[in-house]
Amino acid sequence: MYRSRLKWGLVVSTSAFALMLAAAPMAPDSHTGWLKSTAAQAASASANSESHSTAGGGATSSTSHSDATANGAGASASADGGATGHAEGAAGNTADSSTTTHAGATGNDTAADTSTADGATSASFGSDGAVEGKADLVTTGTDASATGSAAANSATADGTTASASLTGSSTGVGEAHGHAFGDGASSATSDATSAASESSADGDVEVSTKGGGSINGTVAVDAAGSAVNPTGSDGTASASSAASVDVSAASVGDGSASGSAHIDAKSGGSVDTTDRTASTNASAAGDATADNDGPGTSASAGGTGSAAAEAGIDSNTSSASSAVNPTVSVSTAP
């Protein structure tokens, strides 16, 4: 009795196993000759994108994030994001920021495919005319990319204009970072016996890249002023000054580039109605620096400054002038 139960149990178990084999897709293994399952493996995909922008108070910022993951043959995912911002002042000063990101992934049988992209840009102008731009772009994965730009422009009541801009991108596994700043000022005064003028300009650009990064930045500032005292029997005096800077930097791949320039110019003229003498002074000073590191980088910085003054009383006259022009340029072949 015991043997018949065992035999019946084996028959049932063998039949169930045969049904399981018949239900599963099978194909012969070329190496072992045994049958192997050809059932499709599980696949999954996910994607996410977030973007944000703010504008107001002379400043704007934009951020974007995208990520995608695909696991298993036949799976794919993509995510795209973008944001822009524009700020404008009563005098027409502007600041703009823009950021876009993309992440794509294609699944396979060996490992999950993942891509991420992050971007952040900002730009601003101050009440004194100072302008600034920033950009940070980071990507990972074969199908990841990020682009961004930041720009600010200003014009102040003293006649000074300033602009700063950055544009950048990063693809694959890469980074692109940048900062640009510019500021200037000018003043001119006079009274019955004197005139004076002062002008200054500052500019700075710094960029760096890693992997598939590419970025460029520029800054330009112009400031000028002049003054003349009222014409009369007490003599005449006039003064003028001007300062400007022009800075740029570019970096592609693994590298960095930076440039900065500063200019100061001032002059003055006066007359002494008691001694009946005239005197003038003029000075101009400036410096520029540039540096780069790595293939594909370039940096250039320069500026100009000038000052002049004249004064006269009776037959006594005096004049003075000064000028500077510092310039540097560094480049590295790709």
Protein backbone atom coordinates (compact mmCIF):
# COMPACT_ATOMS: atom_id res chain seq x y z
CA MET A 1 0.00 0.00 0.00
CA TYR A 2 2.83 2.40 0.87
CA ARG A 3 4.64 1.78 -2.45
CA SER A 4 1.56 2.56 -4.56
CA ARG A 5 1.07 5.90 -2.81
CA LEU A 6 4.65 6.86 -3.44
CA LYS A 7 4.39 5.89 -7.08
CA TRP A 8 1.21 7.92 -7.52
CA GLY A 9 2.84 10.90 -5.83
CA LEU A 10 5.82 10.75 -8.17
CA VAL A 11 3.51 10.61 -11.18
CA VAL A 12 1.60 13.66 -10.03
CA SER A 13 4.78 15.61 -9.26
CA THR A 14 6.37 14.73 -12.58
CA SER A 15 3.25 15.76 -14.47
CA ALA A 16 3.10 19.13 -12.67
CA PHE A 17 6.75 19.77 -13.46
CA ALA A 18 6.12 18.96 -17.12
CA LEU A 19 3.24 21.44 -17.19
CA MET A 20 5.50 24.11 -15.65
CA LEU A 21 8.13 23.51 -18.32
CA ALA A 22 5.54 23.63 -21.08
CA ALA A 23 4.16 26.95 -19.79
CA ALA A 24 7.60 28.66 -19.58
CA PRO A 25 9.29 29.89 -22.81
CA MET A 26 12.32 27.65 -23.34
CA ALA A 27 15.28 27.50 -25.71
CA PRO A 28 18.33 25.20 -25.85
CA ASP A 29 21.53 26.54 -24.30
CA SER A 30 24.30 26.40 -26.93
CA HIS A 31 26.92 25.67 -24.27
CA THR A 32 25.22 22.98 -22.12
CA GLY A 33 22.51 21.61 -24.42
CA TRP A 34 19.98 21.96 -21.62
CA LEU A 35 16.82 23.97 -22.03
CA LYS A 36 16.87 27.50 -20.56
CA SER A 37 14.06 29.98 -19.94
CA THR A 38 13.62 32.83 -22.40
CA ALA A 39 11.08 34.73 -20.28
CA ALA A 40 11.50 38.53 -20.38
CA GLN A 41 13.22 40.12 -17.38
CA ALA A 42 11.43 42.80 -15.36
CA ALA A 43 12.12 46.39 -16.51
CA SER A 44 11.55 49.76 -14.83
CA ALA A 45 11.99 53.43 -15.60
CA SER A 46 11.62 56.70 -13.68
CA ALA A 47 12.15 60.40 -14.37
CA ASN A 48 11.91 63.65 -12.44
CA SER A 49 12.21 67.34 -13.26
CA GLU A 50 11.97 70.49 -11.10
CA SER A 51 12.53 74.14 -12.05
CA HIS A 52 12.27 77.43 -10.19
CA SER A 53 12.79 81.14 -10.90
CA THR A 54 12.57 84.42 -8.97
CA ALA A 55 12.86 88.05 -10.10
CA GLY A 56 12.63 91.42 -8.38
CA GLY A 57 14.60 93.94 -6.38
CA GLY A 58 17.29 94.20 -9.04
CA ALA A 59 18.04 90.47 -9.04
CA THR A 60 16.91 87.25 -10.68
CA SER A 61 17.77 83.56 -10.27
CA SER A 62 16.84 80.37 -12.12
CA THR A 63 17.38 76.75 -11.14
CA SER A 64 16.55 73.45 -12.83
CA HIS A 65 17.04 69.76 -11.99
CA SER A 66 16.38 66.68 -14.13
CA ASP A 67 17.09 63.00 -13.47
CA ALA A 68 16.23 59.76 -15.25
CA THR A 69 16.77 56.06 -14.55
CA ALA A 70 16.09 53.01 -16.73
CA ASN A 71 16.69 49.40 -15.71
CA GLY A 72 16.27 46.44 -18.02
CA ALA A 73 16.07 46.03 -21.78
CA GLY A 74 13.22 47.98 -23.32
CA ALA A 75 13.08 50.59 -20.57
CA SER A 76 13.73 54.27 -21.23
CA ALA A 77 13.11 57.57 -19.50
CA SER A 78 13.78 61.27 -20.07
CA ALA A 79 13.25 64.50 -18.15
CA ASP A 80 13.59 68.12 -19.22
CA GLY A 81 13.33 71.34 -17.25
CA GLY A 82 13.89 75.04 -17.74
CA ALA A 83 13.42 78.39 -16.02
CA THR A 84 14.02 82.05 -16.90
CA GLY A 85 13.88 85.28 -14.95
CA HIS A 86 13.98 88.98 -15.84
CA ALA A 87 14.37 91.91 -13.46
CA GLU A 88 14.25 95.55 -14.52
CA GLY A 89 14.77 98.79 -12.65
CA ALA A 90 13.13 102.18 -13.11
CA ALA A 91 16.20 103.51 -14.97
CA GLY A 92 16.16 100.63 -17.44
CA ASN A 93 18.79 98.54 -15.67
CA THR A 94 18.20 94.84 -16.35
CA ALA A 95 19.16 91.40 -15.07
CA ASP A 96 18.39 88.11 -16.84
CA SER A 97 18.93 84.48 -15.89
CA SER A 98 18.14 81.27 -17.77
CA THR A 99 18.71 77.57 -17.03
CA THR A 100 17.73 74.36 -18.84
CA THR A 101 18.46 70.72 -17.98
CA HIS A 102 17.97 67.35 -19.69
CA ALA A 103 18.45 63.79 -18.44
CA GLY A 104 17.89 60.63 -20.46
CA ALA A 105 18.37 56.93 -19.72
CA THR A 106 18.11 53.68 -21.77
CA GLY A 107 17.86 50.35 -19.96
CA ASN A 108 19.87 47.19 -20.63
CA ASP A 109 20.31 43.68 -19.18
CA THR A 110 23.56 44.40 -17.34
CA ALA A 111 23.05 47.51 -15.20
CA ALA A 112 20.74 50.44 -14.61
CA ASP A 113 21.37 53.59 -16.68
CA THR A 114 21.11 56.87 -14.77
CA SER A 115 21.57 60.53 -15.72
CA THR A 116 21.26 63.73 -13.67
CA ALA A 117 21.55 67.40 -14.60
CA ASP A 118 21.55 70.45 -12.32
CA GLY A 119 21.81 74.12 -13.24
CA ALA A 120 21.68 77.41 -11.33
CA THR A 121 22.17 80.92 -12.70
CA SER A 122 21.69 84.38 -11.22
CA ALA A 123 22.21 88.02 -12.20
CA SER A 124 21.82 91.36 -10.40
CA PHE A 125 22.39 95.09 -10.58
CA GLY A 126 22.89 97.34 -7.57
CA SER A 127 21.69 100.84 -6.80
CA ASP A 128 25.27 102.04 -7.35
CA GLY A 129 25.41 100.42 -10.81
CA ALA A 130 27.38 97.32 -9.86
CA VAL A 131 26.49 94.26 -11.96
CA GLU A 132 27.05 90.57 -11.25
CA GLY A 133 26.38 87.18 -12.85
CA LYS A 134 26.83 83.61 -11.63
CA ALA A 135 26.45 80.17 -13.22
CA ASP A 136 26.85 76.62 -11.89
CA LEU A 137 26.12 73.64 -14.15
CA VAL A 138 26.74 69.97 -13.19
CA THR A 139 25.85 66.83 -15.18
CA THR A 140 26.38 63.07 -14.81
CA GLY A 141 25.46 60.30 -17.24
CA THR A 142 25.91 59.75 -20.97
CA ASP A 143 22.63 61.50 -21.84
CA ALA A 144 22.76 64.46 -19.47
CA SER A 145 23.10 68.12 -20.40
CA ALA A 146 22.67 71.56 -18.83
CA THR A 147 22.83 75.05 -20.29
CA GLY A 148 22.60 78.45 -18.65
CA SER A 149 23.18 82.16 -19.02
CA ALA A 150 23.31 85.21 -16.76
CA ALA A 151 23.53 88.87 -17.79
CA ALA A 152 23.17 92.24 -16.10
CA ASN A 153 23.36 95.80 -17.47
CA SER A 154 23.27 99.17 -15.72
CA ALA A 155 23.48 102.88 -16.47
CA THR A 156 23.68 105.37 -13.61
CA ALA A 157 23.00 109.08 -13.33
CA ASP A 158 26.73 109.91 -13.28
CA GLY A 159 27.11 108.51 -16.81
CA THR A 160 28.65 105.17 -15.86
CA THR A 161 27.65 102.03 -17.76
CA ALA A 162 28.44 98.45 -16.78
CA SER A 163 27.65 95.00 -18.13
CA ALA A 164 28.46 91.44 -17.06
CA SER A 165 27.50 88.22 -18.81
CA LEU A 166 28.08 84.47 -18.56
CA THR A 167 27.06 81.64 -20.89
CA GLY A 168 27.78 77.99 -20.19
CA SER A 169 26.94 74.37 -20.84
CA SER A 170 27.87 70.94 -19.57
CA THR A 171 27.26 67.50 -21.09
CA GLY A 172 27.89 63.92 -20.01
CA VAL A 173 30.01 63.86 -16.88
CA GLY A 174 31.02 67.49 -16.54
CA GLU A 175 30.87 70.79 -14.71
CA ALA A 176 30.91 74.48 -15.68
CA HIS A 177 31.17 77.28 -13.12
CA GLY A 178 31.50 81.03 -13.59
CA HIS A 179 31.35 84.42 -11.88
CA ALA A 180 31.44 87.89 -13.45
CA PHE A 181 31.43 91.29 -11.73
CA GLY A 182 31.68 94.89 -12.86
CA ASP A 183 31.39 98.28 -11.17
CA GLY A 184 32.26 101.89 -11.92
CA ALA A 185 31.72 105.43 -10.70
CA SER A 186 32.39 109.00 -11.74
CA SER A 187 32.03 112.36 -10.03
CA ALA A 188 32.65 115.94 -11.06
CA THR A 189 32.49 119.06 -8.90
CA SER A 190 33.27 122.74 -9.28
CA ASP A 191 33.02 126.05 -7.46
CA ALA A 192 34.04 129.63 -8.15
CA THR A 193 37.76 128.89 -8.18
CA SER A 194 38.21 125.13 -8.82
CA ALA A 195 37.08 122.04 -10.70
CA ALA A 196 37.67 118.33 -10.00
CA SER A 197 36.82 115.02 -11.63
CA GLU A 198 37.28 111.38 -10.56
CA SER A 199 36.47 108.14 -12.39
CA SER A 200 36.99 104.45 -11.52
CA ALA A 201 36.23 101.09 -13.11
CA ASP A 202 36.52 97.49 -11.88
CA GLY A 203 35.94 94.19 -13.64
CA ASP A 204 36.50 90.53 -12.80
CA VAL A 205 35.66 87.24 -14.54
CA GLU A 206 36.40 83.72 -13.25
CA VAL A 207 35.40 80.47 -14.99
CA SER A 208 36.27 76.80 -14.47
CA THR A 209 35.28 73.57 -16.19
CA LYS A 210 35.58 69.85 -15.68
CA GLY A 211 34.85 67.04 -18.11
CA GLY A 212 32.28 68.07 -20.70
CA GLY A 213 32.00 71.68 -19.59
CA SER A 214 32.20 74.88 -21.66
CA ILE A 215 31.74 78.45 -20.39
CA ASN A 216 32.46 82.06 -21.37
CA GLY A 217 32.29 85.36 -19.49
CA THR A 218 32.70 89.08 -20.24
CA VAL A 219 32.65 92.34 -18.29
CA ALA A 220 32.77 95.93 -19.56
CA VAL A 221 32.65 99.16 -17.54
CA ASP A 222 32.90 102.78 -18.72
CA ALA A 223 32.97 105.85 -16.49
CA ALA A 224 33.73 109.48 -17.38
CA GLY A 225 33.17 112.95 -15.99
CA SER A 226 34.13 116.59 -16.45
CA ALA A 227 33.68 119.89 -14.63
CA VAL A 228 34.26 123.57 -15.39
CA ASN A 229 34.09 126.39 -12.87
CA PRO A 230 31.96 129.42 -13.64
CA THR A 231 33.76 131.80 -15.98
CA GLY A 232 34.63 135.13 -14.40
CA SER A 233 37.35 137.60 -13.46
CA ASP A 234 38.57 135.20 -10.78
CA GLY A 235 40.05 132.82 -13.38
CA THR A 236 39.00 129.55 -14.96
CA ALA A 237 39.47 125.86 -14.08
CA SER A 238 38.41 122.64 -15.77
CA ALA A 239 38.94 118.94 -15.08
CA SER A 240 38.04 115.67 -16.80
CA SER A 241 38.58 111.96 -16.17
CA ALA A 242 37.71 108.62 -17.75
CA ALA A 243 38.15 104.97 -16.77
CA SER A 244 37.14 101.76 -18.52
CA VAL A 245 37.83 98.03 -18.25
CA ASP A 246 37.19 95.13 -20.62
CA VAL A 247 37.61 91.59 -19.25
CA SER A 248 36.84 88.19 -20.76
CA ALA A 249 37.57 84.51 -20.05
CA ALA A 250 36.69 81.19 -21.70
CA SER A 251 37.28 77.57 -20.69
CA VAL A 252 36.47 74.24 -22.40
CA GLY A 253 37.01 70.79 -20.89
CA ASP A 254 39.24 70.48 -17.81
CA GLY A 255 40.54 73.97 -17.13
CA SER A 256 40.07 77.43 -15.73
CA ALA A 257 40.51 81.03 -16.80
CA SER A 258 40.29 84.35 -14.97
CA GLY A 259 40.92 88.01 -15.58
CA SER A 260 40.56 91.24 -13.64
CA ALA A 261 41.27 94.93 -14.18
CA HIS A 262 41.05 98.08 -12.07
CA ILE A 263 41.43 101.72 -13.17
CA ASP A 264 41.49 104.98 -11.18
CA ALA A 265 41.75 108.42 -12.77
CA LYS A 266 41.36 111.86 -11.26
CA SER A 267 42.25 115.48 -11.98
CA GLY A 268 41.81 118.92 -10.53
CA GLY A 269 42.44 122.54 -11.37
CA SER A 270 42.24 125.66 -9.22
CA VAL A 271 43.17 129.33 -9.03
CA ASP A 272 44.26 131.44 -6.07
CA THR A 273 42.63 134.83 -6.30
CA THR A 274 44.92 136.31 -3.65
CA ASP A 275 48.26 135.16 -5.05
CA ARG A 276 46.86 135.22 -8.61
CA THR A 277 48.26 131.74 -9.35
CA ALA A 278 46.92 128.68 -11.16
CA SER A 279 47.59 125.00 -10.35
CA THR A 280 46.57 121.63 -11.79
CA ASN A 281 47.06 117.94 -11.05
CA ALA A 282 46.24 114.72 -12.87
CA SER A 283 46.79 111.07 -12.00
CA ALA A 284 45.88 107.74 -13.55
CA ALA A 285 46.64 104.28 -12.20
CA GLY A 286 45.58 100.81 -13.31
CA ASP A 287 46.41 97.14 -13.13
CA ALA A 288 45.27 94.02 -14.96
CA THR A 289 45.81 90.33 -14.30
CA ALA A 290 45.01 87.18 -16.26
CA ASP A 291 45.52 83.48 -15.60
CA ASN A 292 44.51 80.13 -17.06
CA ASP A 293 45.13 76.45 -16.51
CA GLY A 294 44.46 73.45 -18.71
CA PRO A 295 43.87 72.93 -22.43
CA GLY A 296 41.28 75.01 -24.23
CA THR A 297 41.37 77.92 -21.79
CA SER A 298 41.84 81.62 -22.51
CA ALA A 299 41.87 84.86 -20.51
CA SER A 300 42.18 88.53 -21.42
CA ALA A 301 42.00 91.66 -19.29
CA GLY A 302 42.61 95.31 -20.05
CA GLY A 303 41.71 98.85 -19.12
CA THR A 304 42.31 102.48 -19.93
CA GLY A 305 42.39 105.57 -17.77
CA SER A 306 42.96 109.25 -18.46
CA ALA A 307 42.79 112.52 -16.57
CA ALA A 308 43.39 116.15 -17.54
CA ALA A 309 43.01 119.58 -15.94
CA GLU A 310 43.55 123.22 -16.91
CA ALA A 311 43.51 126.42 -14.89
CA GLY A 312 44.28 130.04 -15.59
CA ILE A 313 44.12 133.44 -13.97
CA ASP A 314 45.34 136.66 -15.51
CA SER A 315 48.19 135.55 -17.78
CA ASN A 316 49.10 132.57 -15.61
CA THR A 317 48.07 129.15 -16.96
CA SER A 318 48.62 125.58 -15.81
CA SER A 319 47.74 122.17 -17.30
CA ALA A 320 48.33 118.52 -16.42
CA SER A 321 47.39 115.15 -17.92
CA SER A 322 47.94 111.44 -17.24
CA ALA A 323 46.99 108.19 -18.98
CA VAL A 324 47.35 104.43 -18.38
CA ASN A 325 46.58 101.35 -20.47
CA PRO A 326 47.34 97.99 -18.77
CA THR A 327 46.62 94.92 -20.95
CA VAL A 328 47.24 91.19 -20.57
CA SER A 329 46.19 88.14 -22.60
CA VAL A 330 46.78 84.43 -21.99
CA SER A 331 45.70 81.56 -24.20
CA THR A 332 46.20 77.82 -24.45
CA ALA A 333 45.66 75.86 -27.64
CA PRO A 334 42.94 73.19 -27.51
